[in-house]
Amino acid sequence: MQKPQLTVEHQLTEHQLLIHIVGNRLFAALLVALAIAVVWSSVVYFADSLDGGSAPVVLFIGVLGGLIGLQNRLVRLGDADLLLLAKSTTYLLLAPLVGGFLAVLLYILFISGLLQGDLFPNFTADAVATPDSAANDENSADLNGISRIFRIHGDGPEDYAKLIFWCFLAGFSERFVTNLMGRFEHSAIASVPGGESSDADRVSER
């Protein structure tokens, strides 16, 4: 008995095939991310004395959010974008990497105190050595350097939970952080004497 032939309606369209290919690549990337998460969690759990561990976690959570956000947008992408994602590893990893960097930027906003509120995490600077005790320390120069940015700790477990959530959102939705940057830009312009009037003058001249 001859097997029935599949009709065109039962076959994958080119658009669906591209989604299938990109979906498989994202699935492989998520498996790698899961493996990294398991290894990192094990290291942190068994070596509780690790310092400066928040920054790598923030970067990783942002990358993870970028991967899941990209997967969520697959069905809305055009054929040109899907073809690039299917053929180019660089293009595929661009959104997750941008999400990771945006998560780090958001982390810096939390540390700096520029973004505060009940919904956001609070951080306190770690205690540093006094100048007298640091005199014999070979790394004493780092005590006043930019590395102190990440020598902080959350006020409680809930602050770390909030940090993970917001960093994931930063990777998942790039627009969230870019909108924040736009608000800070507007506030900075408004705080400059004549800043708002200068903008208004430029508009009136057009």
N, C-alpha and C. Protein backbone atom coordinates (compact mmCIF):
# COMPACT_ATOMS: atom_id res chain seq x y z
N MET A 1 0.85 -1.20 0.00
CA MET A 1 0.00 0.00 0.00
C MET A 1 0.88 1.24 0.00
N GLN A 2 0.60 2.13 -0.92
CA GLN A 2 1.40 3.33 -1.06
C GLN A 2 1.10 4.31 0.07
N LYS A 3 2.17 4.86 0.66
CA LYS A 3 1.99 5.82 1.75
C LYS A 3 1.47 7.14 1.19
N PRO A 4 0.59 7.78 1.93
CA PRO A 4 0.06 9.07 1.45
C PRO A 4 1.15 10.13 1.43
N GLN A 5 1.16 10.94 0.38
CA GLN A 5 2.13 12.00 0.26
C GLN A 5 1.69 13.21 1.08
N LEU A 6 2.68 13.85 1.72
CA LEU A 6 2.37 15.06 2.47
C LEU A 6 2.06 16.20 1.52
N THR A 7 1.03 16.91 1.80
CA THR A 7 0.67 18.07 0.98
C THR A 7 1.49 19.27 1.43
N VAL A 8 1.39 20.33 0.65
CA VAL A 8 2.13 21.55 0.97
C VAL A 8 1.71 22.09 2.34
N GLU A 9 0.43 21.93 2.67
CA GLU A 9 -0.07 22.46 3.94
C GLU A 9 0.56 21.74 5.13
N HIS A 10 0.99 20.49 4.94
CA HIS A 10 1.57 19.72 6.03
C HIS A 10 3.09 19.91 6.14
N GLN A 11 3.66 20.60 5.20
CA GLN A 11 5.09 20.82 5.23
C GLN A 11 5.42 22.15 5.90
N LEU A 12 6.62 22.21 6.45
CA LEU A 12 7.06 23.46 7.08
C LEU A 12 7.31 24.52 6.02
N THR A 13 6.83 25.71 6.29
CA THR A 13 7.16 26.82 5.40
C THR A 13 8.60 27.24 5.65
N GLU A 14 9.12 28.05 4.77
CA GLU A 14 10.50 28.53 4.94
C GLU A 14 10.65 29.32 6.24
N HIS A 15 9.64 30.11 6.56
CA HIS A 15 9.67 30.90 7.80
C HIS A 15 9.69 29.98 9.01
N GLN A 16 8.85 28.95 9.00
CA GLN A 16 8.81 28.02 10.12
C GLN A 16 10.11 27.22 10.23
N LEU A 17 10.70 26.89 9.09
CA LEU A 17 11.96 26.16 9.10
C LEU A 17 13.08 26.99 9.72
N LEU A 18 13.10 28.28 9.41
CA LEU A 18 14.10 29.15 10.00
C LEU A 18 13.90 29.26 11.51
N ILE A 19 12.65 29.35 11.94
CA ILE A 19 12.37 29.39 13.37
C ILE A 19 12.84 28.11 14.05
N HIS A 20 12.63 26.98 13.36
CA HIS A 20 13.06 25.69 13.88
C HIS A 20 14.58 25.64 14.05
N ILE A 21 15.31 26.13 13.06
CA ILE A 21 16.78 26.10 13.11
C ILE A 21 17.30 27.01 14.23
N VAL A 22 16.76 28.24 14.28
CA VAL A 22 17.21 29.18 15.31
C VAL A 22 16.81 28.69 16.70
N GLY A 23 15.62 28.10 16.79
CA GLY A 23 15.18 27.56 18.07
C GLY A 23 16.11 26.48 18.60
N ASN A 24 16.58 25.63 17.70
CA ASN A 24 17.54 24.59 18.10
C ASN A 24 18.85 25.19 18.58
N ARG A 25 19.31 26.25 17.93
CA ARG A 25 20.55 26.89 18.34
C ARG A 25 20.38 27.57 19.70
N LEU A 26 19.24 28.19 19.91
CA LEU A 26 18.98 28.81 21.21
C LEU A 26 18.86 27.75 22.31
N PHE A 27 18.27 26.61 21.96
CA PHE A 27 18.16 25.52 22.93
C PHE A 27 19.54 25.04 23.37
N ALA A 28 20.46 24.92 22.41
CA ALA A 28 21.82 24.51 22.74
C ALA A 28 22.50 25.56 23.62
N ALA A 29 22.28 26.85 23.30
CA ALA A 29 22.86 27.92 24.11
C ALA A 29 22.30 27.91 25.53
N LEU A 30 21.01 27.64 25.66
CA LEU A 30 20.40 27.59 26.99
C LEU A 30 20.93 26.40 27.79
N LEU A 31 21.20 25.29 27.13
CA LEU A 31 21.79 24.14 27.83
C LEU A 31 23.18 24.48 28.35
N VAL A 32 23.96 25.18 27.54
CA VAL A 32 25.29 25.62 27.99
C VAL A 32 25.15 26.57 29.17
N ALA A 33 24.20 27.51 29.08
CA ALA A 33 23.98 28.45 30.17
C ALA A 33 23.55 27.74 31.45
N LEU A 34 22.71 26.71 31.30
CA LEU A 34 22.27 25.93 32.46
C LEU A 34 23.45 25.21 33.11
N ALA A 35 24.33 24.64 32.28
CA ALA A 35 25.51 23.95 32.81
C ALA A 35 26.40 24.92 33.58
N ILE A 36 26.59 26.13 33.01
CA ILE A 36 27.40 27.14 33.69
C ILE A 36 26.76 27.54 35.01
N ALA A 37 25.43 27.68 35.02
CA ALA A 37 24.72 28.06 36.24
C ALA A 37 24.89 27.00 37.32
N VAL A 38 24.81 25.74 36.94
CA VAL A 38 24.96 24.66 37.93
C VAL A 38 26.37 24.65 38.51
N VAL A 39 27.37 24.80 37.64
CA VAL A 39 28.75 24.81 38.10
C VAL A 39 29.02 26.00 39.00
N TRP A 40 28.57 27.18 38.58
CA TRP A 40 28.79 28.38 39.37
C TRP A 40 28.08 28.29 40.72
N SER A 41 26.85 27.80 40.73
CA SER A 41 26.12 27.66 41.99
C SER A 41 26.82 26.70 42.93
N SER A 42 27.38 25.64 42.38
CA SER A 42 28.11 24.68 43.22
C SER A 42 29.36 25.32 43.81
N VAL A 43 30.07 26.10 42.99
CA VAL A 43 31.28 26.77 43.49
C VAL A 43 30.94 27.75 44.60
N VAL A 44 29.90 28.54 44.40
CA VAL A 44 29.50 29.52 45.41
C VAL A 44 29.03 28.83 46.68
N TYR A 45 28.31 27.72 46.53
CA TYR A 45 27.77 27.01 47.69
C TYR A 45 28.89 26.39 48.54
N PHE A 46 29.85 25.78 47.87
CA PHE A 46 30.91 25.09 48.61
C PHE A 46 32.09 26.01 48.96
N ALA A 47 32.12 27.21 48.41
CA ALA A 47 33.16 28.18 48.75
C ALA A 47 32.48 29.49 49.10
N ASP A 48 31.85 29.49 50.24
CA ASP A 48 31.02 30.62 50.64
C ASP A 48 31.82 31.90 50.87
N SER A 49 33.13 31.78 50.95
CA SER A 49 33.95 32.95 51.23
C SER A 49 34.36 33.72 49.98
N LEU A 50 33.83 33.36 48.81
CA LEU A 50 34.20 34.06 47.58
C LEU A 50 33.78 35.52 47.65
N ASP A 51 34.67 36.42 47.21
CA ASP A 51 34.38 37.84 47.18
C ASP A 51 34.15 38.29 45.74
N GLY A 52 33.40 39.39 45.60
CA GLY A 52 33.19 39.95 44.27
C GLY A 52 32.42 39.05 43.34
N GLY A 53 31.57 38.19 43.89
CA GLY A 53 30.86 37.24 43.04
C GLY A 53 29.62 37.79 42.39
N SER A 54 29.17 38.97 42.79
CA SER A 54 27.92 39.49 42.26
C SER A 54 28.03 39.91 40.80
N ALA A 55 29.13 40.55 40.42
CA ALA A 55 29.27 41.06 39.05
C ALA A 55 29.18 39.96 38.00
N PRO A 56 29.90 38.83 38.14
CA PRO A 56 29.75 37.76 37.14
C PRO A 56 28.34 37.19 37.09
N VAL A 57 27.69 37.09 38.26
CA VAL A 57 26.31 36.58 38.29
C VAL A 57 25.38 37.54 37.57
N VAL A 58 25.57 38.84 37.79
CA VAL A 58 24.75 39.85 37.12
C VAL A 58 24.91 39.74 35.61
N LEU A 59 26.15 39.61 35.14
CA LEU A 59 26.40 39.46 33.71
C LEU A 59 25.73 38.21 33.16
N PHE A 60 25.86 37.11 33.88
CA PHE A 60 25.28 35.84 33.42
C PHE A 60 23.76 35.91 33.39
N ILE A 61 23.15 36.49 34.42
CA ILE A 61 21.68 36.60 34.46
C ILE A 61 21.18 37.46 33.30
N GLY A 62 21.92 38.53 32.99
CA GLY A 62 21.54 39.37 31.86
C GLY A 62 21.62 38.62 30.54
N VAL A 63 22.68 37.81 30.37
CA VAL A 63 22.82 37.00 29.15
C VAL A 63 21.68 35.98 29.06
N LEU A 64 21.35 35.37 30.19
CA LEU A 64 20.25 34.40 30.20
C LEU A 64 18.93 35.08 29.85
N GLY A 65 18.69 36.25 30.40
CA GLY A 65 17.49 36.99 30.04
C GLY A 65 17.45 37.35 28.57
N GLY A 66 18.64 37.69 28.00
CA GLY A 66 18.70 37.99 26.57
C GLY A 66 18.38 36.79 25.71
N LEU A 67 18.85 35.61 26.11
CA LEU A 67 18.54 34.38 25.35
C LEU A 67 17.05 34.09 25.36
N ILE A 68 16.45 34.17 26.54
CA ILE A 68 15.02 33.86 26.64
C ILE A 68 14.19 34.94 25.95
N GLY A 69 14.62 36.20 26.05
CA GLY A 69 13.92 37.27 25.35
C GLY A 69 13.97 37.10 23.85
N LEU A 70 15.13 36.66 23.34
CA LEU A 70 15.26 36.42 21.90
C LEU A 70 14.36 35.27 21.47
N GLN A 71 14.32 34.21 22.25
CA GLN A 71 13.45 33.08 21.94
C GLN A 71 11.98 33.52 21.92
N ASN A 72 11.63 34.43 22.84
CA ASN A 72 10.26 34.90 22.92
C ASN A 72 9.86 35.74 21.71
N ARG A 73 10.86 36.35 21.05
CA ARG A 73 10.58 37.23 19.91
C ARG A 73 10.69 36.51 18.57
N LEU A 74 11.04 35.24 18.56
CA LEU A 74 11.31 34.54 17.31
C LEU A 74 10.14 34.61 16.33
N VAL A 75 8.93 34.35 16.83
CA VAL A 75 7.78 34.28 15.92
C VAL A 75 7.45 35.64 15.32
N ARG A 76 7.97 36.72 15.90
CA ARG A 76 7.67 38.06 15.39
C ARG A 76 8.78 38.60 14.48
N LEU A 77 9.86 37.86 14.34
CA LEU A 77 10.97 38.31 13.50
C LEU A 77 10.69 38.03 12.03
N GLY A 78 11.26 38.86 11.19
CA GLY A 78 11.11 38.67 9.76
C GLY A 78 12.09 37.62 9.25
N ASP A 79 11.90 37.22 8.00
CA ASP A 79 12.76 36.19 7.40
C ASP A 79 14.22 36.61 7.34
N ALA A 80 14.48 37.91 7.09
CA ALA A 80 15.86 38.38 6.99
C ALA A 80 16.59 38.22 8.32
N ASP A 81 15.92 38.61 9.42
CA ASP A 81 16.53 38.46 10.74
C ASP A 81 16.71 36.99 11.11
N LEU A 82 15.71 36.19 10.80
CA LEU A 82 15.79 34.76 11.11
C LEU A 82 16.93 34.10 10.33
N LEU A 83 17.11 34.50 9.09
CA LEU A 83 18.18 33.93 8.28
C LEU A 83 19.55 34.30 8.86
N LEU A 84 19.69 35.54 9.32
CA LEU A 84 20.95 35.95 9.96
C LEU A 84 21.20 35.17 11.24
N LEU A 85 20.15 34.97 12.02
CA LEU A 85 20.29 34.20 13.27
C LEU A 85 20.66 32.75 12.98
N ALA A 86 20.13 32.21 11.88
CA ALA A 86 20.40 30.82 11.54
C ALA A 86 21.81 30.62 10.98
N LYS A 87 22.35 31.65 10.33
CA LYS A 87 23.64 31.51 9.66
C LYS A 87 24.80 32.11 10.44
N SER A 88 24.54 33.08 11.29
CA SER A 88 25.62 33.81 11.97
C SER A 88 25.56 33.60 13.48
N THR A 89 26.60 32.99 14.03
CA THR A 89 26.68 32.81 15.48
C THR A 89 26.87 34.16 16.18
N THR A 90 27.62 35.05 15.55
CA THR A 90 27.84 36.38 16.13
C THR A 90 26.52 37.12 16.28
N TYR A 91 25.70 37.10 15.24
CA TYR A 91 24.40 37.77 15.29
C TYR A 91 23.48 37.12 16.32
N LEU A 92 23.59 35.80 16.46
CA LEU A 92 22.76 35.08 17.43
C LEU A 92 23.12 35.47 18.86
N LEU A 93 24.42 35.66 19.12
CA LEU A 93 24.87 35.95 20.48
C LEU A 93 24.87 37.44 20.80
N LEU A 94 24.58 38.27 19.81
CA LEU A 94 24.63 39.71 20.03
C LEU A 94 23.61 40.17 21.07
N ALA A 95 22.35 39.75 20.93
CA ALA A 95 21.31 40.17 21.87
C ALA A 95 21.59 39.69 23.29
N PRO A 96 21.99 38.42 23.52
CA PRO A 96 22.31 38.00 24.88
C PRO A 96 23.49 38.78 25.48
N LEU A 97 24.52 39.06 24.69
CA LEU A 97 25.67 39.80 25.20
C LEU A 97 25.29 41.23 25.55
N VAL A 98 24.48 41.87 24.71
CA VAL A 98 23.99 43.21 25.02
C VAL A 98 23.15 43.18 26.29
N GLY A 99 22.33 42.14 26.45
CA GLY A 99 21.55 41.99 27.66
C GLY A 99 22.42 41.87 28.90
N GLY A 100 23.54 41.16 28.78
CA GLY A 100 24.46 41.03 29.90
C GLY A 100 25.08 42.36 30.28
N PHE A 101 25.52 43.14 29.29
CA PHE A 101 26.11 44.45 29.57
C PHE A 101 25.08 45.42 30.14
N LEU A 102 23.84 45.36 29.65
CA LEU A 102 22.79 46.22 30.20
C LEU A 102 22.48 45.85 31.65
N ALA A 103 22.56 44.56 31.97
CA ALA A 103 22.35 44.13 33.35
C ALA A 103 23.44 44.68 34.26
N VAL A 104 24.69 44.69 33.78
CA VAL A 104 25.79 45.26 34.57
C VAL A 104 25.57 46.76 34.75
N LEU A 105 25.12 47.44 33.71
CA LEU A 105 24.83 48.87 33.81
C LEU A 105 23.74 49.13 34.85
N LEU A 106 22.70 48.31 34.84
CA LEU A 106 21.64 48.44 35.83
C LEU A 106 22.17 48.21 37.24
N TYR A 107 23.06 47.23 37.38
CA TYR A 107 23.71 46.94 38.66
C TYR A 107 24.47 48.17 39.17
N ILE A 108 25.17 48.85 38.27
CA ILE A 108 25.91 50.06 38.64
C ILE A 108 24.94 51.17 39.08
N LEU A 109 23.79 51.26 38.43
CA LEU A 109 22.79 52.24 38.86
C LEU A 109 22.31 51.95 40.28
N PHE A 110 22.15 50.67 40.61
CA PHE A 110 21.75 50.31 41.97
C PHE A 110 22.85 50.68 42.97
N ILE A 111 24.09 50.35 42.64
CA ILE A 111 25.21 50.62 43.54
C ILE A 111 25.38 52.11 43.76
N SER A 112 25.24 52.90 42.69
CA SER A 112 25.47 54.34 42.78
C SER A 112 24.38 55.06 43.55
N GLY A 113 23.23 54.41 43.75
CA GLY A 113 22.12 55.06 44.42
C GLY A 113 21.27 55.91 43.50
N LEU A 114 21.57 55.90 42.19
CA LEU A 114 20.77 56.66 41.25
C LEU A 114 19.38 56.06 41.04
N LEU A 115 19.26 54.77 41.33
CA LEU A 115 17.98 54.08 41.18
C LEU A 115 17.63 53.45 42.51
N GLN A 116 16.69 54.06 43.23
CA GLN A 116 16.34 53.61 44.56
C GLN A 116 14.83 53.48 44.70
N GLY A 117 14.41 52.72 45.70
CA GLY A 117 13.00 52.52 45.97
C GLY A 117 12.76 51.16 46.57
N ASP A 118 11.53 50.94 47.02
CA ASP A 118 11.20 49.67 47.65
C ASP A 118 11.30 48.49 46.69
N LEU A 119 11.14 48.78 45.40
CA LEU A 119 11.18 47.70 44.41
C LEU A 119 12.61 47.31 44.03
N PHE A 120 13.58 48.14 44.40
CA PHE A 120 14.95 47.92 43.97
C PHE A 120 15.84 47.50 45.13
N PRO A 121 16.94 46.79 44.84
CA PRO A 121 17.82 46.31 45.91
C PRO A 121 18.67 47.43 46.50
N ASN A 122 19.05 47.26 47.76
CA ASN A 122 19.93 48.19 48.45
C ASN A 122 21.26 47.52 48.74
N PHE A 123 22.35 48.27 48.58
CA PHE A 123 23.68 47.72 48.80
C PHE A 123 24.46 48.63 49.74
N THR A 124 25.33 48.00 50.52
CA THR A 124 26.19 48.72 51.46
C THR A 124 27.64 48.39 51.15
N ALA A 125 28.49 49.40 51.22
CA ALA A 125 29.91 49.20 50.92
C ALA A 125 30.55 48.30 51.98
N ASP A 126 31.44 47.42 51.53
CA ASP A 126 32.20 46.58 52.46
C ASP A 126 33.19 47.43 53.25
N ALA A 127 33.52 46.97 54.44
CA ALA A 127 34.53 47.65 55.24
C ALA A 127 35.89 47.45 54.59
N VAL A 128 36.68 48.53 54.53
CA VAL A 128 38.01 48.46 53.93
C VAL A 128 39.05 48.71 55.00
N ALA A 129 40.27 48.29 54.70
CA ALA A 129 41.35 48.46 55.66
C ALA A 129 41.70 49.94 55.82
N THR A 130 42.12 50.32 57.00
CA THR A 130 42.56 51.68 57.26
C THR A 130 43.92 51.92 56.60
N PRO A 131 44.30 53.17 56.38
CA PRO A 131 45.60 53.43 55.75
C PRO A 131 46.77 52.81 56.50
N ASP A 132 46.68 52.79 57.85
CA ASP A 132 47.78 52.22 58.63
C ASP A 132 47.91 50.72 58.40
N SER A 133 46.76 50.05 58.40
CA SER A 133 46.80 48.59 58.23
C SER A 133 47.07 48.21 56.79
N ALA A 134 46.80 49.13 55.85
CA ALA A 134 47.02 48.82 54.44
C ALA A 134 48.42 49.19 53.98
N ALA A 135 49.21 49.80 54.88
CA ALA A 135 50.55 50.25 54.49
C ALA A 135 51.43 49.10 54.06
N ASN A 136 51.25 47.95 54.71
CA ASN A 136 52.07 46.79 54.38
C ASN A 136 51.40 45.85 53.39
N ASP A 137 50.27 46.29 52.86
CA ASP A 137 49.52 45.45 51.92
C ASP A 137 49.97 45.76 50.51
N GLU A 138 50.40 44.73 49.76
CA GLU A 138 50.87 44.94 48.39
C GLU A 138 49.76 45.45 47.49
N ASN A 139 48.50 45.13 47.83
CA ASN A 139 47.36 45.55 47.00
C ASN A 139 46.67 46.77 47.57
N SER A 140 47.36 47.53 48.40
CA SER A 140 46.73 48.67 49.05
C SER A 140 46.27 49.72 48.05
N ALA A 141 46.91 49.78 46.87
CA ALA A 141 46.51 50.76 45.87
C ALA A 141 45.09 50.51 45.39
N ASP A 142 44.65 49.27 45.45
CA ASP A 142 43.31 48.94 44.99
C ASP A 142 42.23 49.44 45.94
N LEU A 143 42.61 49.79 47.16
CA LEU A 143 41.62 50.19 48.14
C LEU A 143 40.93 51.49 47.75
N ASN A 144 41.61 52.33 46.99
CA ASN A 144 41.04 53.59 46.57
C ASN A 144 40.75 53.61 45.06
N GLY A 145 40.85 52.46 44.42
CA GLY A 145 40.63 52.39 42.99
C GLY A 145 39.19 52.08 42.62
N ILE A 146 39.00 51.95 41.31
CA ILE A 146 37.64 51.71 40.80
C ILE A 146 37.13 50.33 41.18
N SER A 147 38.04 49.43 41.58
CA SER A 147 37.60 48.09 41.97
C SER A 147 36.69 48.10 43.19
N ARG A 148 36.71 49.21 43.94
CA ARG A 148 35.84 49.30 45.12
C ARG A 148 34.36 49.35 44.75
N ILE A 149 34.08 49.61 43.46
CA ILE A 149 32.67 49.65 43.04
C ILE A 149 31.96 48.35 43.40
N PHE A 150 32.64 47.23 43.21
CA PHE A 150 32.00 45.94 43.41
C PHE A 150 32.31 45.35 44.79
N ARG A 151 32.96 46.13 45.67
CA ARG A 151 33.18 45.67 47.03
C ARG A 151 32.01 46.10 47.90
N ILE A 152 30.88 45.51 47.60
CA ILE A 152 29.63 45.86 48.28
C ILE A 152 28.89 44.57 48.63
N HIS A 153 27.86 44.70 49.44
CA HIS A 153 27.02 43.54 49.76
C HIS A 153 25.58 44.01 49.93
N GLY A 154 24.65 43.13 49.65
CA GLY A 154 23.24 43.45 49.82
C GLY A 154 22.86 43.51 51.29
N ASP A 155 21.86 44.33 51.59
CA ASP A 155 21.43 44.46 52.98
C ASP A 155 20.74 43.20 53.49
N GLY A 156 20.24 42.36 52.59
CA GLY A 156 19.56 41.14 52.99
C GLY A 156 19.35 40.23 51.81
N PRO A 157 18.89 39.00 52.03
CA PRO A 157 18.65 38.07 50.91
C PRO A 157 17.67 38.61 49.89
N GLU A 158 16.68 39.38 50.36
CA GLU A 158 15.69 39.90 49.43
C GLU A 158 16.32 40.88 48.43
N ASP A 159 17.40 41.54 48.81
CA ASP A 159 18.06 42.47 47.89
C ASP A 159 18.73 41.72 46.75
N TYR A 160 19.31 40.57 47.05
CA TYR A 160 19.91 39.76 45.99
C TYR A 160 18.83 39.17 45.08
N ALA A 161 17.69 38.81 45.66
CA ALA A 161 16.59 38.30 44.85
C ALA A 161 16.07 39.39 43.90
N LYS A 162 15.94 40.62 44.42
CA LYS A 162 15.53 41.74 43.56
C LYS A 162 16.56 41.99 42.47
N LEU A 163 17.84 41.89 42.83
CA LEU A 163 18.90 42.11 41.84
C LEU A 163 18.80 41.11 40.70
N ILE A 164 18.59 39.84 41.03
CA ILE A 164 18.48 38.81 40.01
C ILE A 164 17.29 39.08 39.09
N PHE A 165 16.16 39.46 39.69
CA PHE A 165 14.95 39.73 38.89
C PHE A 165 15.18 40.89 37.92
N TRP A 166 15.71 42.01 38.42
CA TRP A 166 15.87 43.19 37.57
C TRP A 166 16.95 42.97 36.51
N CYS A 167 17.99 42.22 36.85
CA CYS A 167 19.03 41.95 35.86
C CYS A 167 18.52 41.02 34.76
N PHE A 168 17.67 40.07 35.14
CA PHE A 168 17.04 39.22 34.13
C PHE A 168 16.15 40.07 33.22
N LEU A 169 15.40 40.99 33.81
CA LEU A 169 14.52 41.86 33.01
C LEU A 169 15.33 42.76 32.09
N ALA A 170 16.51 43.20 32.55
CA ALA A 170 17.37 44.04 31.71
C ALA A 170 17.80 43.29 30.46
N GLY A 171 18.10 41.98 30.59
CA GLY A 171 18.46 41.19 29.43
C GLY A 171 17.25 40.81 28.59
N PHE A 172 16.14 40.54 29.24
CA PHE A 172 14.93 40.11 28.54
C PHE A 172 14.34 41.25 27.71
N SER A 173 14.37 42.46 28.27
CA SER A 173 13.79 43.62 27.60
C SER A 173 14.82 44.74 27.57
N GLU A 174 15.52 44.88 26.44
CA GLU A 174 16.53 45.93 26.32
C GLU A 174 15.90 47.31 26.45
N ARG A 175 14.63 47.42 26.05
CA ARG A 175 13.96 48.71 26.09
C ARG A 175 13.83 49.23 27.52
N PHE A 176 13.75 48.30 28.50
CA PHE A 176 13.61 48.71 29.90
C PHE A 176 14.79 49.58 30.33
N VAL A 177 16.01 49.13 30.05
CA VAL A 177 17.20 49.88 30.47
C VAL A 177 17.40 51.12 29.58
N THR A 178 17.16 50.99 28.29
CA THR A 178 17.33 52.15 27.42
C THR A 178 16.35 53.27 27.77
N ASN A 179 15.14 52.91 28.19
CA ASN A 179 14.18 53.92 28.65
C ASN A 179 14.68 54.60 29.92
N LEU A 180 15.28 53.82 30.83
CA LEU A 180 15.87 54.41 32.04
C LEU A 180 16.97 55.39 31.68
N MET A 181 17.82 55.00 30.73
CA MET A 181 18.91 55.87 30.31
C MET A 181 18.36 57.16 29.71
N GLY A 182 17.25 57.04 28.97
CA GLY A 182 16.63 58.23 28.40
C GLY A 182 16.11 59.17 29.47
N ARG A 183 15.55 58.61 30.54
CA ARG A 183 15.06 59.44 31.64
C ARG A 183 16.19 60.15 32.35
N PHE A 184 17.31 59.44 32.57
CA PHE A 184 18.47 60.08 33.20
C PHE A 184 19.04 61.17 32.29
N GLU A 185 19.02 60.93 31.00
CA GLU A 185 19.51 61.94 30.06
C GLU A 185 18.64 63.19 30.12
N HIS A 186 17.32 62.99 30.16
CA HIS A 186 16.40 64.12 30.23
C HIS A 186 16.60 64.88 31.54
N SER A 187 16.76 64.16 32.65
CA SER A 187 16.95 64.82 33.95
C SER A 187 18.27 65.60 33.98
N ALA A 188 19.32 65.01 33.36
CA ALA A 188 20.61 65.69 33.34
C ALA A 188 20.54 66.98 32.53
N ILE A 189 19.85 66.94 31.40
CA ILE A 189 19.70 68.14 30.57
C ILE A 189 18.89 69.19 31.31
N ALA A 190 17.82 68.76 32.00
CA ALA A 190 16.98 69.70 32.71
C ALA A 190 17.71 70.35 33.88
N SER A 191 18.70 69.63 34.46
CA SER A 191 19.42 70.17 35.61
C SER A 191 20.48 71.20 35.22
N VAL A 192 20.84 71.24 33.93
CA VAL A 192 21.82 72.21 33.46
C VAL A 192 21.13 73.56 33.26
N PRO A 193 21.68 74.65 33.79
CA PRO A 193 21.05 75.97 33.60
C PRO A 193 20.88 76.28 32.12
N GLY A 194 19.63 76.58 31.74
CA GLY A 194 19.34 76.88 30.35
C GLY A 194 19.20 75.67 29.47
N GLY A 195 19.27 74.46 30.08
CA GLY A 195 19.21 73.25 29.28
C GLY A 195 17.88 73.09 28.57
N GLU A 196 16.78 73.28 29.30
CA GLU A 196 15.46 73.12 28.69
C GLU A 196 15.18 74.23 27.68
N SER A 197 15.60 75.46 28.02
CA SER A 197 15.34 76.57 27.09
C SER A 197 16.13 76.41 25.81
N SER A 198 17.35 75.83 25.93
CA SER A 198 18.15 75.61 24.73
C SER A 198 17.47 74.64 23.80
N ASP A 199 16.89 73.57 24.37
CA ASP A 199 16.15 72.61 23.55
C ASP A 199 14.96 73.29 22.89
N ALA A 200 14.26 74.14 23.65
CA ALA A 200 13.08 74.81 23.11
C ALA A 200 13.48 75.77 22.00
N ASP A 201 14.63 76.48 22.16
CA ASP A 201 15.09 77.39 21.14
C ASP A 201 15.40 76.67 19.85
N ARG A 202 16.04 75.46 19.98
CA ARG A 202 16.37 74.70 18.78
C ARG A 202 15.12 74.25 18.05
N VAL A 203 14.08 73.88 18.81
CA VAL A 203 12.83 73.46 18.18
C VAL A 203 12.17 74.63 17.46
N SER A 204 12.20 75.82 18.12
CA SER A 204 11.54 76.99 17.53
C SER A 204 12.25 77.48 16.28
N GLU A 205 13.58 77.19 16.17
CA GLU A 205 14.32 77.64 15.02
C GLU A 205 14.01 76.82 13.78
N ARG A 206 13.46 75.61 13.96
CA ARG A 206 13.23 74.72 12.82
C ARG A 206 12.05 75.15 11.96
